[in-house]
C-alpha atoms as a PDB file:
ATOM      1  CA  MET A   1      56.250 -47.504  29.107  1.00  0.00           C
ATOM      2  CA  ASN A   2      58.477 -45.623  26.893  1.00  0.00           C
ATOM      3  CA  LEU A   3      55.621 -45.113  24.379  1.00  0.00           C
ATOM      4  CA  VAL A   4      53.197 -43.881  27.048  1.00  0.00           C
ATOM      5  CA  GLY A   5      55.762 -41.412  28.364  1.00  0.00           C
ATOM      6  CA  GLU A   6      56.391 -40.074  24.878  1.00  0.00           C
ATOM      7  CA  ILE A   7      52.633 -39.510  24.333  1.00  0.00           C
ATOM      8  CA  ARG A   8      52.320 -37.679  27.662  1.00  0.00           C
ATOM      9  CA  ARG A   9      55.302 -35.476  26.928  1.00  0.00           C
ATOM     10  CA  ARG A  10      53.969 -34.455  23.490  1.00  0.00           C
ATOM     11  CA  ALA A  11      50.401 -34.035  24.771  1.00  0.00           C
ATOM     12  CA  ARG A  12      51.605 -31.356  27.200  1.00  0.00           C
ATOM     13  CA  HIS A  13      52.817 -29.254  24.277  1.00  0.00           C
ATOM     14  CA  ILE A  14      49.665 -29.803  22.167  1.00  0.00           C
ATOM     15  CA  VAL A  15      46.896 -29.419  24.783  1.00  0.00           C
ATOM     16  CA  GLY A  16      47.450 -25.660  25.346  1.00  0.00           C
ATOM     17  CA  PRO A  17      47.194 -24.571  21.702  1.00  0.00           C
ATOM     18  CA  VAL A  18      44.256 -26.934  21.001  1.00  0.00           C
ATOM     19  CA  MET A  19      42.353 -25.534  24.001  1.00  0.00           C
ATOM     20  CA  GLY A  20      43.153 -21.966  22.889  1.00  0.00           C
ATOM     21  CA  ILE A  21      41.967 -22.618  19.312  1.00  0.00           C
ATOM     22  CA  THR A  22      38.794 -24.277  20.610  1.00  0.00           C
ATOM     23  CA  LEU A  23      38.075 -21.370  22.962  1.00  0.00           C
ATOM     24  CA  PHE A  24      38.701 -18.834  20.173  1.00  0.00           C
ATOM     25  CA  ALA A  25      36.412 -20.747  17.764  1.00  0.00           C
ATOM     26  CA  TYR A  26      33.661 -20.844  20.413  1.00  0.00           C
ATOM     27  CA  PHE A  27      33.746 -17.078  20.981  1.00  0.00           C
ATOM     28  CA  ALA A  28      34.107 -16.300  17.271  1.00  0.00           C
ATOM     29  CA  TYR A  29      31.049 -18.424  16.431  1.00  0.00           C
ATOM     30  CA  HIS A  30      28.922 -16.713  19.074  1.00  0.00           C
ATOM     31  CA  ALA A  31      30.187 -13.260  18.063  1.00  0.00           C
ATOM     32  CA  VAL A  32      28.720 -13.893  14.607  1.00  0.00           C
ATOM     33  CA  GLN A  33      25.786 -16.260  15.191  1.00  0.00           C
ATOM     34  CA  GLY A  34      24.793 -15.577  18.807  1.00  0.00           C
ATOM     35  CA  ASP A  35      21.790 -13.727  20.219  1.00  0.00           C
ATOM     36  CA  ARG A  36      23.827 -10.519  20.302  1.00  0.00           C
ATOM     37  CA  GLY A  37      26.093 -11.358  17.381  1.00  0.00           C
ATOM     38  CA  LEU A  38      26.699  -9.590  14.093  1.00  0.00           C
ATOM     39  CA  ILE A  39      23.800 -11.253  12.269  1.00  0.00           C
ATOM     40  CA  ALA A  40      21.344 -10.355  15.060  1.00  0.00           C
ATOM     41  CA  TRP A  41      22.672  -6.777  14.988  1.00  0.00           C
ATOM     42  CA  TRP A  42      22.128  -6.608  11.215  1.00  0.00           C
ATOM     43  CA  LYS A  43      18.554  -7.937  11.532  1.00  0.00           C
ATOM     44  CA  LEU A  44      17.861  -5.431  14.304  1.00  0.00           C
ATOM     45  CA  GLY A  45      19.080  -2.624  12.036  1.00  0.00           C
ATOM     46  CA  GLN A  46      16.631  -3.764   9.343  1.00  0.00           C
ATOM     47  CA  GLN A  47      13.781  -3.808  11.883  1.00  0.00           C
ATOM     48  CA  VAL A  48      14.681  -0.270  12.951  1.00  0.00           C
ATOM     49  CA  GLU A  49      14.591   0.911   9.315  1.00  0.00           C
ATOM     50  CA  THR A  50      11.184  -0.739   8.780  1.00  0.00           C
ATOM     51  CA  ALA A  51       9.808   0.753  11.991  1.00  0.00           C
ATOM     52  CA  GLN A  52      11.144   4.203  11.028  1.00  0.00           C
ATOM     53  CA  ALA A  53       9.428   3.979   7.623  1.00  0.00           C
ATOM     54  CA  GLN A  54       6.141   2.967   9.289  1.00  0.00           C
ATOM     55  CA  TYR A  55       6.533   5.814  11.775  1.00  0.00           C
ATOM     56  CA  ASP A  56       7.130   8.364   9.015  1.00  0.00           C
ATOM     57  CA  GLU A  57       4.088   7.099   7.093  1.00  0.00           C
ATOM     58  CA  THR A  58       1.893   7.220  10.183  1.00  0.00           C
ATOM     59  CA  LEU A  59       3.159  10.691  11.055  1.00  0.00           C
ATOM     60  CA  ALA A  60       2.333  11.943   7.551  1.00  0.00           C
ATOM     61  CA  LYS A  61      -1.195  10.501   7.820  1.00  0.00           C
ATOM     62  CA  ARG A  62      -1.616  12.089  11.241  1.00  0.00           C
ATOM     63  CA  GLU A  63      -0.522  15.484   9.941  1.00  0.00           C
ATOM     64  CA  ALA A  64      -2.950  15.178   7.014  1.00  0.00           C
ATOM     65  CA  PHE A  65      -5.800  14.354   9.407  1.00  0.00           C
ATOM     66  CA  ALA A  66      -4.790  17.217  11.711  1.00  0.00           C
ATOM     67  CA  HIS A  67      -4.896  19.588   8.748  1.00  0.00           C
ATOM     68  CA  ARG A  68      -8.358  18.361   7.742  1.00  0.00           C
ATOM     69  CA  VAL A  69      -9.591  18.724  11.333  1.00  0.00           C
ATOM     70  CA  ALA A  70      -8.169  22.242  11.474  1.00  0.00           C
ATOM     71  CA  LEU A  71     -10.175  23.090   8.348  1.00  0.00           C
ATOM     72  CA  LEU A  72     -13.370  22.002  10.121  1.00  0.00           C
ATOM     73  CA  ARG A  73     -12.858  24.276  13.132  1.00  0.00           C
ATOM     74  CA  PRO A  74     -15.466  27.029  13.450  1.00  0.00           C
ATOM     75  CA  ASP A  75     -12.906  29.849  13.401  1.00  0.00           C
ATOM     76  CA  ALA A  76     -11.392  28.687  10.075  1.00  0.00           C
ATOM     77  CA  LEU A  77     -14.180  26.759   8.379  1.00  0.00           C
ATOM     78  CA  ASP A  78     -13.554  25.559   4.827  1.00  0.00           C
ATOM     79  CA  LEU A  79     -16.975  25.399   3.195  1.00  0.00           C
ATOM     80  CA  ASP A  80     -15.850  23.058   0.409  1.00  0.00           C
ATOM     81  CA  LEU A  81     -14.576  20.513   2.921  1.00  0.00           C
ATOM     82  CA  LEU A  82     -17.720  20.860   5.019  1.00  0.00           C
ATOM     83  CA  GLU A  83     -19.887  20.279   1.949  1.00  0.00           C
ATOM     84  CA  GLU A  84     -17.780  17.282   0.920  1.00  0.00           C
ATOM     85  CA  ARG A  85     -18.075  15.671   4.370  1.00  0.00           C
ATOM     86  CA  ALA A  86     -21.809  16.381   4.586  1.00  0.00           C
ATOM     87  CA  ARG A  87     -22.448  14.789   1.187  1.00  0.00           C
ATOM     88  CA  LEU A  88     -20.321  11.790   2.105  1.00  0.00           C
ATOM     89  CA  LEU A  89     -22.112  11.234   5.418  1.00  0.00           C
ATOM     90  CA  ILE A  90     -25.593  11.770   4.015  1.00  0.00           C
ATOM     91  CA  GLY A  91     -24.856   9.743   0.897  1.00  0.00           C
ATOM     92  CA  MET A  92     -26.448  12.218  -1.452  1.00  0.00           C
ATOM     93  CA  ALA A  93     -25.222  14.301  -4.373  1.00  0.00           C
ATOM     94  CA  HIS A  94     -26.104  17.677  -5.763  1.00  0.00           C
ATOM     95  CA  PRO A  95     -28.137  17.621  -8.991  1.00  0.00           C
ATOM     96  CA  ASP A  96     -25.242  19.296 -10.825  1.00  0.00           C
ATOM     97  CA  ASP A  97     -22.665  16.735  -9.633  1.00  0.00           C
ATOM     98  CA  VAL A  98     -21.181  14.216 -12.043  1.00  0.00           C
ATOM     99  CA  VAL A  99     -21.247  10.753 -10.483  1.00  0.00           C
ATOM    100  CA  ILE A 100     -18.946   8.061 -11.875  1.00  0.00           C
ATOM    101  CA  LEU A 101     -20.080   4.549 -10.996  1.00  0.00           C
ATOM    102  CA  ARG A 102     -17.576   1.708 -10.867  1.00  0.00           C
ATOM    103  CA  PRO A 103     -18.388  -1.997 -11.081  1.00  0.00           C
ATOM    104  CA  ALA A 104     -18.853  -3.594  -7.657  1.00  0.00           C
ATOM    105  CA  GLY A 105     -15.641  -4.748  -6.002  1.00  0.00           C
ATOM    106  CA  LEU A 106     -13.372  -2.737  -8.295  1.00  0.00           C
ATOM    107  CA  ALA A 107     -11.029  -0.479  -6.351  1.00  0.00           C
ATOM    108  CA  ALA A 108     -10.018   2.948  -7.599  1.00  0.00           C
ATOM    109  CA  ALA A 109      -6.474   1.777  -8.302  1.00  0.00           C
ATOM    110  CA  GLU A 110      -7.767  -1.131 -10.421  1.00  0.00           C
ATOM    111  CA  ALA A 111     -10.287   0.911 -12.380  1.00  0.00           C
ATOM    112  CA  PRO A 112      -9.381   1.263 -16.043  1.00  0.00           C
ATOM    113  CA  GLU A 113      -8.342   4.695 -17.210  1.00  0.00           C
ATOM    114  CA  PRO A 114     -11.314   6.308 -18.975  1.00  0.00           C
ATOM    115  CA  LYS A 115     -10.804   7.268 -22.599  1.00  0.00           C
ATOM    116  CA  PHE A 116     -12.541  10.358 -23.824  1.00  0.00           C
ATOM    117  CA  GLU A 117     -13.122  11.489 -27.334  1.00  0.00           C
ATOM    118  CA  VAL A 118     -13.258  15.226 -27.855  1.00  0.00           C
ATOM    119  CA  VAL A 119     -15.951  16.126 -30.356  1.00  0.00           C
ATOM    120  CA  PRO A 120     -16.204  19.766 -31.393  1.00  0.00           C
ATOM    121  CA  VAL A 121     -19.741  21.116 -31.143  1.00  0.00           C
ATOM    122  CA  PRO A 122     -20.683  23.871 -33.589  1.00  0.00           C
ATOM    123  CA  PRO A 123     -22.285  26.932 -31.910  1.00  0.00           C
ATOM    124  CA  SER A 124     -25.449  26.516 -33.980  1.00  0.00           C
ATOM    125  CA  SER A 125     -26.213  23.141 -32.378  1.00  0.00           C
ATOM    126  CA  VAL A 126     -26.216  24.579 -28.828  1.00  0.00           C
ATOM    127  CA  ARG A 127     -29.773  25.688 -28.247  1.00  0.00           C
ATOM    128  CA  GLY A 128     -31.319  27.278 -25.207  1.00  0.00           C
ATOM    129  CA  LEU A 129     -28.014  28.123 -23.488  1.00  0.00           C
ATOM    130  CA  ASP A 130     -27.106  31.614 -22.490  1.00  0.00           C
ATOM    131  CA  ARG A 131     -23.530  32.056 -23.707  1.00  0.00           C
ATOM    132  CA  GLY A 132     -22.746  34.571 -20.925  1.00  0.00           C
ATOM    133  CA  ALA A 133     -23.975  32.193 -18.191  1.00  0.00           C
ATOM    134  CA  LEU A 134     -21.907  29.377 -19.701  1.00  0.00           C
ATOM    135  CA  ASP A 135     -18.788  31.562 -19.747  1.00  0.00           C
ATOM    136  CA  ASP A 136     -19.404  32.540 -16.118  1.00  0.00           C
ATOM    137  CA  LEU A 137     -19.778  28.883 -15.134  1.00  0.00           C
ATOM    138  CA  ILE A 138     -16.551  27.930 -16.869  1.00  0.00           C
ATOM    139  CA  GLY A 139     -14.747  30.920 -15.331  1.00  0.00           C
ATOM    140  CA  ASP A 140     -15.964  29.977 -11.836  1.00  0.00           C
ATOM    141  CA  THR A 141     -14.875  26.382 -12.323  1.00  0.00           C
ATOM    142  CA  ILE A 142     -11.402  27.320 -13.553  1.00  0.00           C
ATOM    143  CA  GLY A 143     -11.018  29.948 -10.845  1.00  0.00           C
ATOM    144  CA  ARG A 144     -11.290  27.355  -8.046  1.00  0.00           C
END
């Protein structure tokens, strides 16, 4: 009996701190790992940043579309934009337009950068062109 009494007497002094440490460990674990813990708060912050970036991108697109729509209003009609939209919808081009064809399935970002070689043309080889009309055309193009 003496051994059992000694165990009971010592257990009274140990049970309180062991229960306190266990309770503290339980709350500490859930403060970090729980549904509303530090890790969940960190992940939520990342989701907010991602959503804010998506919102900013969508807002920029919306403002760009609103600007294009404003250019199509009858009181402030932009003829270049109207012509561009009409050609796109009809699917036709003006005889003076330069059309660049890409291979099927090749996106604009994947298209190789064209390489041009500048070849000087002597004035004697240009036949049938009115030099004044050509200068006017170049001036109109640069003036845009």
